[in-house]
Amino acid sequence: MYDHVLKSLEIENTSILKNTVDPTTIKAVVYDCSGFEFVFNWIGVKKFDFAFDGNKKVYSTDRDEEYFIIEEDKNGLEEWAYDEITSYNDKYLQHEILLHSGAKIKIVCNKLILKRRRFKNLVG
């Protein structure tokens, strides 16, 4: 997947409700420009890593209280640049996602379910 918009990312841990080895599930909803949304469900998450240094270029005007970000620095956490799914070992998959902001998401899980469906136009 390249150049998509990350709309939501939810993490659920059911260790209190179930006695399982990997009780964490992560769900993400991602939109693309062709009118589809993708729903990712990472089940049996063994490891989750979200690396973001938070360094964005912020500029100011002559007045100290006015700050702005120039257009080329506006790419943020919601913009999914690309991803790669590889084998972590014989039981787990590793899904690495790079966002345009430079943030990286790594998810190691034993099951990945991906659904694609058409969504209504986001603009009016």
Protein backbone atom coordinates (compact mmCIF):
# COMPACT_ATOMS: atom_id res chain seq x y z
CA MET A 1 0.00 0.00 0.00
CA TYR A 2 1.36 3.38 -0.97
CA ASP A 3 0.15 6.91 -0.22
CA HIS A 4 -2.94 6.18 1.82
CA VAL A 5 -4.56 8.07 4.70
CA LEU A 6 -4.56 6.47 8.14
CA LYS A 7 -7.95 7.32 9.71
CA SER A 8 -7.75 5.34 12.95
CA LEU A 9 -5.49 3.03 14.93
CA GLU A 10 -6.94 1.21 17.95
CA ILE A 11 -5.17 -1.12 20.36
CA GLU A 12 -7.15 -3.58 22.49
CA ASN A 13 -5.69 -5.84 25.17
CA THR A 14 -7.98 -8.61 26.37
CA SER A 15 -5.62 -10.17 28.92
CA ILE A 16 -8.09 -9.51 31.74
CA LEU A 17 -10.90 -11.23 29.83
CA LYS A 18 -8.98 -14.13 28.26
CA ASN A 19 -5.94 -16.09 29.32
CA THR A 20 -4.04 -16.15 26.01
CA VAL A 21 -0.37 -15.95 25.08
CA ASP A 22 -0.80 -12.85 22.86
CA PRO A 23 -4.00 -11.09 23.99
CA THR A 24 -3.45 -7.82 22.08
CA THR A 25 -5.31 -6.88 18.89
CA ILE A 26 -4.67 -3.78 16.78
CA LYS A 27 -7.16 -2.41 14.26
CA ALA A 28 -6.51 0.32 11.67
CA VAL A 29 -8.72 1.92 9.04
CA VAL A 30 -6.90 3.28 5.98
CA TYR A 31 -8.39 5.20 3.01
CA ASP A 32 -7.04 5.38 -0.51
CA CYS A 33 -7.79 7.89 -3.26
CA SER A 34 -9.68 5.38 -5.43
CA GLY A 35 -12.65 5.22 -3.03
CA PHE A 36 -11.77 2.20 -0.94
CA GLU A 37 -11.06 1.76 2.73
CA PHE A 38 -8.92 -1.01 4.11
CA VAL A 39 -9.50 -2.43 7.58
CA PHE A 40 -6.43 -4.09 9.08
CA ASN A 41 -6.80 -6.42 12.06
CA TRP A 42 -3.55 -7.63 13.58
CA ILE A 43 -4.45 -10.48 15.95
CA GLY A 44 -2.20 -12.08 18.53
CA VAL A 45 0.18 -9.14 18.69
CA LYS A 46 3.49 -10.14 20.25
CA LYS A 47 5.28 -6.82 19.73
CA PHE A 48 4.21 -3.29 18.83
CA ASP A 49 6.63 -0.44 18.22
CA PHE A 50 5.67 3.11 17.27
CA ALA A 51 8.71 5.32 16.67
CA PHE A 52 8.14 9.03 16.16
CA ASP A 53 10.61 11.72 17.21
CA GLY A 54 8.08 14.54 17.02
CA ASN A 55 10.45 16.93 15.29
CA LYS A 56 8.52 19.07 12.84
CA LYS A 57 9.77 22.32 11.45
CA VAL A 58 7.71 25.10 13.00
CA TYR A 59 8.20 28.67 11.81
CA SER A 60 7.15 31.91 13.46
CA THR A 61 6.23 35.36 12.26
CA ASP A 62 7.52 38.64 13.66
CA ARG A 63 4.92 38.33 16.40
CA ASP A 64 5.91 35.70 18.96
CA GLU A 65 2.40 34.25 19.28
CA GLU A 66 2.02 33.35 15.58
CA TYR A 67 3.40 30.03 14.41
CA PHE A 68 2.93 28.13 11.16
CA ILE A 69 4.12 25.08 9.24
CA ILE A 70 5.05 25.51 5.59
CA GLU A 71 3.29 23.32 3.03
CA GLU A 72 6.14 20.85 2.39
CA ASP A 73 6.41 20.11 6.13
CA LYS A 74 2.70 19.33 6.61
CA ASN A 75 2.93 15.60 5.91
CA GLY A 76 1.93 14.05 9.17
CA LEU A 77 1.07 10.96 11.13
CA GLU A 78 -2.07 10.33 9.09
CA GLU A 79 -0.23 9.83 5.78
CA TRP A 80 0.77 6.22 5.15
CA ALA A 81 3.79 6.24 2.80
CA TYR A 82 4.38 2.51 2.32
CA ASP A 83 4.54 -0.79 4.16
CA GLU A 84 6.10 -4.24 4.04
CA ILE A 85 4.98 -7.58 5.46
CA THR A 86 7.68 -10.16 6.16
CA SER A 87 8.08 -13.35 8.15
CA TYR A 88 9.27 -12.72 11.72
CA ASN A 89 9.73 -16.43 12.46
CA ASP A 90 7.79 -19.64 11.79
CA LYS A 91 4.82 -18.44 13.91
CA TYR A 92 4.70 -14.64 13.48
CA LEU A 93 4.48 -12.01 10.73
CA GLN A 94 6.11 -8.58 10.91
CA HIS A 95 4.33 -5.60 9.36
CA GLU A 96 6.43 -2.45 9.03
CA ILE A 97 4.67 0.81 8.09
CA LEU A 98 6.42 4.07 7.26
CA LEU A 99 4.41 7.29 7.53
CA HIS A 100 5.28 10.46 5.60
CA SER A 101 6.15 12.17 8.89
CA GLY A 102 9.03 9.74 9.32
CA ALA A 103 7.21 7.78 12.01
CA LYS A 104 7.56 4.01 11.84
CA ILE A 105 5.09 1.40 13.06
CA LYS A 106 6.19 -2.20 13.54
CA ILE A 107 3.68 -4.89 14.45
CA VAL A 108 4.59 -8.51 15.07
CA CYS A 109 1.49 -10.74 15.12
CA ASN A 110 0.42 -14.30 14.45
CA LYS A 111 -2.55 -13.36 12.24
CA LEU A 112 -3.38 -10.45 9.92
CA ILE A 113 -6.86 -9.97 8.49
CA LEU A 114 -7.31 -7.35 5.78
CA LYS A 115 -10.70 -6.30 4.41
CA ARG A 116 -11.30 -3.92 1.53
CA ARG A 117 -14.58 -2.10 0.99
CA ARG A 118 -15.85 0.91 -0.89
CA PHE A 119 -16.53 4.00 1.21
CA LYS A 120 -18.64 7.08 0.57
CA ASN A 121 -16.99 10.24 -0.70
CA LEU A 122 -15.23 12.02 2.17
CA VAL A 123 -15.88 15.45 0.65
CA GLY A 124 -19.46 16.68 0.96
